[in-house]
Amino acid sequence: MSETRSYPRRVATEAGEIEFRLMTRADETAVLKFAKALPTHDLLFLPRNISQPKVLSAWINEIERGDITSLLAVKNGEVVGCGTLVRDSHSWSPHVGEIRMVVSLDVRGKGVGRALSQETFALALGAGLEKLSVQMTVDQQAAIALFESLGFKAEALLRDHVRDVSGKKHDIVVLGHNVAQVRAQMEAYGLPGAVGPS
């Protein structure tokens, strides 16, 4: 299985052609604009508020250190989505990656989120991770269904885990995917490339 994927790569969606490319420091202004346009509720399942410039700067520092890989979905020069793969090679769970994903309101329901989640999932597989997790608020049914369609299953419910800007608390659901188990099953059936990057 190849460890690398080439970018940029283009994907046709109902929202039109989307370009996926790796995020760099040069994207800071465009990503900040994208983040500020997101509903606050969409930011709750991210560990930090990415609409804050200092948070975005720290995020880019982590990309440059290699702890985070972020893919941008770009339409007509504007960022319309971001899929991020987070790993901590110094933790007790170096085999686990977390996927974080946000998509702008104007392209939702048009296949952009699905394409971005699949691309981010493929990045995680290429990185050799054995398990993946993703978290979101329990009312984000479309996002939950999307990740369940990729084989993720609910593993935990964290009650009152995040608090929005008005002080209201929200539950977070954590979904997990045992990539190593799926890969082993595919290889047992003679389909070694079935879960690998294309």
C-alpha atoms as a PDB file:
ATOM      1  CA  MET A   1       0.000   0.000   0.000  1.00  0.00           C
ATOM      2  CA  SER A   2       1.304   3.425  -0.931  1.00  0.00           C
ATOM      3  CA  GLU A   3       2.106   5.749   1.964  1.00  0.00           C
ATOM      4  CA  THR A   4       1.684   8.905  -0.083  1.00  0.00           C
ATOM      5  CA  ARG A   5      -1.116  10.491  -2.044  1.00  0.00           C
ATOM      6  CA  SER A   6      -0.515  13.196  -4.612  1.00  0.00           C
ATOM      7  CA  TYR A   7      -2.109  16.631  -4.356  1.00  0.00           C
ATOM      8  CA  PRO A   8      -3.764  18.623  -5.621  1.00  0.00           C
ATOM      9  CA  ARG A   9      -6.448  16.236  -6.798  1.00  0.00           C
ATOM     10  CA  ARG A  10      -9.804  17.152  -8.280  1.00  0.00           C
ATOM     11  CA  VAL A  11     -13.182  15.579  -7.593  1.00  0.00           C
ATOM     12  CA  ALA A  12     -16.533  16.153  -9.288  1.00  0.00           C
ATOM     13  CA  THR A  13     -19.406  16.801  -6.861  1.00  0.00           C
ATOM     14  CA  GLU A  14     -22.958  18.129  -7.111  1.00  0.00           C
ATOM     15  CA  ALA A  15     -21.483  21.468  -5.983  1.00  0.00           C
ATOM     16  CA  GLY A  16     -19.132  21.441  -8.988  1.00  0.00           C
ATOM     17  CA  GLU A  17     -15.462  20.539  -9.226  1.00  0.00           C
ATOM     18  CA  ILE A  18     -13.632  20.566  -5.901  1.00  0.00           C
ATOM     19  CA  GLU A  19      -9.862  20.644  -5.540  1.00  0.00           C
ATOM     20  CA  PHE A  20      -8.295  18.873  -2.570  1.00  0.00           C
ATOM     21  CA  ARG A  21      -4.902  20.172  -1.510  1.00  0.00           C
ATOM     22  CA  LEU A  22      -2.732  20.084   1.569  1.00  0.00           C
ATOM     23  CA  MET A  23      -3.030  23.092   3.855  1.00  0.00           C
ATOM     24  CA  THR A  24       0.044  25.290   4.367  1.00  0.00           C
ATOM     25  CA  ARG A  25       0.816  28.579   6.089  1.00  0.00           C
ATOM     26  CA  ALA A  26      -0.062  30.377   2.838  1.00  0.00           C
ATOM     27  CA  ASP A  27      -3.704  29.301   3.400  1.00  0.00           C
ATOM     28  CA  GLU A  28      -4.033  30.976   6.811  1.00  0.00           C
ATOM     29  CA  THR A  29      -6.138  33.931   5.612  1.00  0.00           C
ATOM     30  CA  ALA A  30      -8.429  31.780   3.426  1.00  0.00           C
ATOM     31  CA  VAL A  31      -8.983  29.231   6.208  1.00  0.00           C
ATOM     32  CA  LEU A  32      -9.712  31.965   8.742  1.00  0.00           C
ATOM     33  CA  LYS A  33     -12.338  33.416   6.378  1.00  0.00           C
ATOM     34  CA  PHE A  34     -13.861  29.927   5.965  1.00  0.00           C
ATOM     35  CA  ALA A  35     -13.874  29.283   9.734  1.00  0.00           C
ATOM     36  CA  LYS A  36     -15.460  32.646  10.568  1.00  0.00           C
ATOM     37  CA  ALA A  37     -18.325  31.900   8.135  1.00  0.00           C
ATOM     38  CA  LEU A  38     -19.155  28.564   9.817  1.00  0.00           C
ATOM     39  CA  PRO A  39     -22.057  28.392  12.274  1.00  0.00           C
ATOM     40  CA  THR A  40     -20.637  28.404  15.816  1.00  0.00           C
ATOM     41  CA  HIS A  41     -22.356  25.085  16.483  1.00  0.00           C
ATOM     42  CA  ASP A  42     -20.208  23.434  13.792  1.00  0.00           C
ATOM     43  CA  LEU A  43     -17.070  24.426  15.676  1.00  0.00           C
ATOM     44  CA  LEU A  44     -18.143  22.740  18.930  1.00  0.00           C
ATOM     45  CA  PHE A  45     -16.851  19.272  18.073  1.00  0.00           C
ATOM     46  CA  LEU A  46     -13.379  20.622  17.321  1.00  0.00           C
ATOM     47  CA  PRO A  47     -11.082  20.792  20.360  1.00  0.00           C
ATOM     48  CA  ARG A  48     -10.334  24.453  19.687  1.00  0.00           C
ATOM     49  CA  ASN A  49     -12.110  27.374  18.075  1.00  0.00           C
ATOM     50  CA  ILE A  50     -10.432  27.584  14.655  1.00  0.00           C
ATOM     51  CA  SER A  51     -12.093  30.933  13.931  1.00  0.00           C
ATOM     52  CA  GLN A  52      -9.560  32.536  16.310  1.00  0.00           C
ATOM     53  CA  PRO A  53      -6.321  33.693  14.566  1.00  0.00           C
ATOM     54  CA  LYS A  54      -4.038  32.467  17.395  1.00  0.00           C
ATOM     55  CA  VAL A  55      -5.641  28.995  17.264  1.00  0.00           C
ATOM     56  CA  LEU A  56      -5.231  28.876  13.497  1.00  0.00           C
ATOM     57  CA  SER A  57      -1.578  29.877  13.805  1.00  0.00           C
ATOM     58  CA  ALA A  58      -0.962  27.090  16.355  1.00  0.00           C
ATOM     59  CA  TRP A  59      -2.739  24.646  14.009  1.00  0.00           C
ATOM     60  CA  ILE A  60      -0.389  25.567  11.168  1.00  0.00           C
ATOM     61  CA  ASN A  61       2.602  25.120  13.491  1.00  0.00           C
ATOM     62  CA  GLU A  62       1.359  21.570  14.192  1.00  0.00           C
ATOM     63  CA  ILE A  63       1.024  20.925  10.445  1.00  0.00           C
ATOM     64  CA  GLU A  64       4.603  22.089   9.932  1.00  0.00           C
ATOM     65  CA  ARG A  65       5.792  19.782  12.751  1.00  0.00           C
ATOM     66  CA  GLY A  66       4.038  16.838  11.078  1.00  0.00           C
ATOM     67  CA  ASP A  67       1.569  16.151  13.915  1.00  0.00           C
ATOM     68  CA  ILE A  68      -1.424  17.151  11.790  1.00  0.00           C
ATOM     69  CA  THR A  69      -2.282  16.736   8.111  1.00  0.00           C
ATOM     70  CA  SER A  70      -5.049  19.016   6.871  1.00  0.00           C
ATOM     71  CA  LEU A  71      -6.734  18.775   3.488  1.00  0.00           C
ATOM     72  CA  LEU A  72      -8.566  21.757   2.111  1.00  0.00           C
ATOM     73  CA  ALA A  73     -11.542  21.464  -0.211  1.00  0.00           C
ATOM     74  CA  VAL A  74     -11.386  24.453  -2.556  1.00  0.00           C
ATOM     75  CA  LYS A  75     -14.051  25.623  -5.008  1.00  0.00           C
ATOM     76  CA  ASN A  76     -13.348  28.578  -7.302  1.00  0.00           C
ATOM     77  CA  GLY A  77     -10.422  29.640  -5.105  1.00  0.00           C
ATOM     78  CA  GLU A  78     -12.487  29.621  -1.878  1.00  0.00           C
ATOM     79  CA  VAL A  79     -12.051  27.132   0.966  1.00  0.00           C
ATOM     80  CA  VAL A  80     -15.342  25.224   1.360  1.00  0.00           C
ATOM     81  CA  GLY A  81     -14.155  22.404   3.608  1.00  0.00           C
ATOM     82  CA  CYS A  82     -11.333  21.073   5.700  1.00  0.00           C
ATOM     83  CA  GLY A  83     -10.527  17.499   6.669  1.00  0.00           C
ATOM     84  CA  THR A  84      -7.827  16.998   9.273  1.00  0.00           C
ATOM     85  CA  LEU A  85      -5.994  13.916  10.459  1.00  0.00           C
ATOM     86  CA  VAL A  86      -4.439  14.254  13.922  1.00  0.00           C
ATOM     87  CA  ARG A  87      -1.905  11.782  15.333  1.00  0.00           C
ATOM     88  CA  ASP A  88       0.237  11.901  18.427  1.00  0.00           C
ATOM     89  CA  SER A  89       3.272   9.687  17.969  1.00  0.00           C
ATOM     90  CA  HIS A  90       4.445  10.485  21.522  1.00  0.00           C
ATOM     91  CA  SER A  91       1.228   9.326  23.226  1.00  0.00           C
ATOM     92  CA  TRP A  92       0.173   5.867  24.392  1.00  0.00           C
ATOM     93  CA  SER A  93      -1.940   5.684  21.232  1.00  0.00           C
ATOM     94  CA  PRO A  94       0.450   6.291  18.319  1.00  0.00           C
ATOM     95  CA  HIS A  95      -1.583   3.790  16.262  1.00  0.00           C
ATOM     96  CA  VAL A  96      -4.753   5.919  16.536  1.00  0.00           C
ATOM     97  CA  GLY A  97      -5.685   8.909  14.411  1.00  0.00           C
ATOM     98  CA  GLU A  98      -8.504  11.384  14.866  1.00  0.00           C
ATOM     99  CA  ILE A  99     -10.382  12.798  11.892  1.00  0.00           C
ATOM    100  CA  ARG A 100     -11.827  16.294  12.192  1.00  0.00           C
ATOM    101  CA  MET A 101     -13.976  17.668   9.418  1.00  0.00           C
ATOM    102  CA  VAL A 102     -15.975  20.806   8.679  1.00  0.00           C
ATOM    103  CA  VAL A 103     -17.753  21.845   5.478  1.00  0.00           C
ATOM    104  CA  SER A 104     -19.304  25.204   4.605  1.00  0.00           C
ATOM    105  CA  LEU A 105     -23.080  25.530   4.610  1.00  0.00           C
ATOM    106  CA  ASP A 106     -23.377  26.377   0.913  1.00  0.00           C
ATOM    107  CA  VAL A 107     -21.960  23.016  -0.276  1.00  0.00           C
ATOM    108  CA  ARG A 108     -23.647  20.727   2.254  1.00  0.00           C
ATOM    109  CA  GLY A 109     -25.730  17.890   0.885  1.00  0.00           C
ATOM    110  CA  LYS A 110     -23.856  18.079  -2.433  1.00  0.00           C
ATOM    111  CA  GLY A 111     -21.256  15.354  -1.917  1.00  0.00           C
ATOM    112  CA  VAL A 112     -18.400  17.600  -0.784  1.00  0.00           C
ATOM    113  CA  GLY A 113     -18.417  16.266   2.796  1.00  0.00           C
ATOM    114  CA  ARG A 114     -18.548  12.669   1.555  1.00  0.00           C
ATOM    115  CA  ALA A 115     -15.652  13.195  -0.867  1.00  0.00           C
ATOM    116  CA  LEU A 116     -13.615  15.040   1.781  1.00  0.00           C
ATOM    117  CA  SER A 117     -14.247  12.398   4.439  1.00  0.00           C
ATOM    118  CA  GLN A 118     -13.267   9.623   2.011  1.00  0.00           C
ATOM    119  CA  GLU A 119     -10.085  11.456   1.049  1.00  0.00           C
ATOM    120  CA  THR A 120      -9.173  12.097   4.693  1.00  0.00           C
ATOM    121  CA  PHE A 121      -9.928   8.436   5.488  1.00  0.00           C
ATOM    122  CA  ALA A 122      -7.604   7.374   2.649  1.00  0.00           C
ATOM    123  CA  LEU A 123      -4.864   9.630   4.073  1.00  0.00           C
ATOM    124  CA  ALA A 124      -5.276   7.900   7.434  1.00  0.00           C
ATOM    125  CA  LEU A 125      -5.000   4.480   5.810  1.00  0.00           C
ATOM    126  CA  GLY A 126      -1.890   5.586   3.933  1.00  0.00           C
ATOM    127  CA  ALA A 127      -0.359   6.675   7.238  1.00  0.00           C
ATOM    128  CA  GLY A 128      -0.649   3.084   8.477  1.00  0.00           C
ATOM    129  CA  LEU A 129      -2.949   3.917  11.380  1.00  0.00           C
ATOM    130  CA  GLU A 130      -4.764   0.994  12.993  1.00  0.00           C
ATOM    131  CA  LYS A 131      -7.726   2.857  14.456  1.00  0.00           C
ATOM    132  CA  LEU A 132      -9.546   6.078  13.676  1.00  0.00           C
ATOM    133  CA  SER A 133     -11.936   8.191  15.700  1.00  0.00           C
ATOM    134  CA  VAL A 134     -14.174  11.131  14.945  1.00  0.00           C
ATOM    135  CA  GLN A 135     -16.380  13.166  17.254  1.00  0.00           C
ATOM    136  CA  MET A 136     -19.333  15.494  16.770  1.00  0.00           C
ATOM    137  CA  THR A 137     -22.381  16.795  18.573  1.00  0.00           C
ATOM    138  CA  VAL A 138     -25.212  14.262  18.711  1.00  0.00           C
ATOM    139  CA  ASP A 139     -27.559  16.426  16.634  1.00  0.00           C
ATOM    140  CA  GLN A 140     -25.245  16.368  13.601  1.00  0.00           C
ATOM    141  CA  GLN A 141     -27.144  13.440  12.121  1.00  0.00           C
ATOM    142  CA  ALA A 142     -25.935  13.874   8.534  1.00  0.00           C
ATOM    143  CA  ALA A 143     -22.285  13.844   9.626  1.00  0.00           C
ATOM    144  CA  ILE A 144     -22.861  10.816  11.860  1.00  0.00           C
ATOM    145  CA  ALA A 145     -24.563   8.946   8.996  1.00  0.00           C
ATOM    146  CA  LEU A 146     -21.710   9.869   6.658  1.00  0.00           C
ATOM    147  CA  PHE A 147     -19.051   8.392   8.946  1.00  0.00           C
ATOM    148  CA  GLU A 148     -21.193   5.336   9.706  1.00  0.00           C
ATOM    149  CA  SER A 149     -21.327   4.718   5.941  1.00  0.00           C
ATOM    150  CA  LEU A 150     -17.506   4.571   6.025  1.00  0.00           C
ATOM    151  CA  GLY A 151     -17.646   1.848   8.700  1.00  0.00           C
ATOM    152  CA  PHE A 152     -17.383   3.984  11.850  1.00  0.00           C
ATOM    153  CA  LYS A 153     -19.435   2.874  14.857  1.00  0.00           C
ATOM    154  CA  ALA A 154     -20.534   4.791  17.956  1.00  0.00           C
ATOM    155  CA  GLU A 155     -18.171   4.078  20.864  1.00  0.00           C
ATOM    156  CA  ALA A 156     -18.911   6.751  23.450  1.00  0.00           C
ATOM    157  CA  LEU A 157     -21.305   9.483  24.435  1.00  0.00           C
ATOM    158  CA  LEU A 158     -19.777  12.349  26.383  1.00  0.00           C
ATOM    159  CA  ARG A 159     -22.581  14.220  28.153  1.00  0.00           C
ATOM    160  CA  ASP A 160     -22.354  18.025  28.491  1.00  0.00           C
ATOM    161  CA  HIS A 161     -18.855  17.817  27.048  1.00  0.00           C
ATOM    162  CA  VAL A 162     -18.736  21.146  25.196  1.00  0.00           C
ATOM    163  CA  ARG A 163     -20.189  24.552  26.000  1.00  0.00           C
ATOM    164  CA  ASP A 164     -21.160  26.986  23.263  1.00  0.00           C
ATOM    165  CA  VAL A 165     -20.683  30.758  23.342  1.00  0.00           C
ATOM    166  CA  SER A 166     -24.075  31.240  25.020  1.00  0.00           C
ATOM    167  CA  GLY A 167     -23.123  28.830  27.807  1.00  0.00           C
ATOM    168  CA  LYS A 168     -25.350  25.946  26.662  1.00  0.00           C
ATOM    169  CA  LYS A 169     -23.777  22.493  27.068  1.00  0.00           C
ATOM    170  CA  HIS A 170     -23.888  19.838  24.343  1.00  0.00           C
ATOM    171  CA  ASP A 171     -23.275  16.095  24.217  1.00  0.00           C
ATOM    172  CA  ILE A 172     -20.525  14.717  21.981  1.00  0.00           C
ATOM    173  CA  VAL A 173     -20.643  11.321  20.287  1.00  0.00           C
ATOM    174  CA  VAL A 174     -17.356   9.550  19.551  1.00  0.00           C
ATOM    175  CA  LEU A 175     -17.285   7.165  16.588  1.00  0.00           C
ATOM    176  CA  GLY A 176     -14.459   4.702  16.013  1.00  0.00           C
ATOM    177  CA  HIS A 177     -13.200   2.579  13.131  1.00  0.00           C
ATOM    178  CA  ASN A 178     -10.883  -0.414  13.604  1.00  0.00           C
ATOM    179  CA  VAL A 179      -8.934  -0.061  10.366  1.00  0.00           C
ATOM    180  CA  ALA A 180      -6.504  -2.882  11.140  1.00  0.00           C
ATOM    181  CA  GLN A 181      -9.367  -5.349  11.599  1.00  0.00           C
ATOM    182  CA  VAL A 182     -11.016  -4.316   8.324  1.00  0.00           C
ATOM    183  CA  ARG A 183      -7.689  -4.493   6.485  1.00  0.00           C
ATOM    184  CA  ALA A 184      -7.071  -8.013   7.858  1.00  0.00           C
ATOM    185  CA  GLN A 185     -10.557  -9.122   6.774  1.00  0.00           C
ATOM    186  CA  MET A 186     -10.046  -7.717   3.270  1.00  0.00           C
ATOM    187  CA  GLU A 187      -6.682  -9.456   2.935  1.00  0.00           C
ATOM    188  CA  ALA A 188      -8.270 -12.722   4.127  1.00  0.00           C
ATOM    189  CA  TYR A 189     -10.749 -12.405   1.255  1.00  0.00           C
ATOM    190  CA  GLY A 190      -7.966 -11.638  -1.216  1.00  0.00           C
ATOM    191  CA  LEU A 191      -8.700  -7.908  -1.496  1.00  0.00           C
ATOM    192  CA  PRO A 192      -5.517  -6.326  -0.102  1.00  0.00           C
ATOM    193  CA  GLY A 193      -6.016  -2.977  -1.856  1.00  0.00           C
ATOM    194  CA  ALA A 194      -9.690  -2.626  -1.014  1.00  0.00           C
ATOM    195  CA  VAL A 195      -9.158  -0.264   1.901  1.00  0.00           C
ATOM    196  CA  GLY A 196      -5.977   1.364   0.662  1.00  0.00           C
ATOM    197  CA  PRO A 197      -5.564   4.751  -1.011  1.00  0.00           C
ATOM    198  CA  SER A 198      -6.211   4.979  -4.732  1.00  0.00           C
END
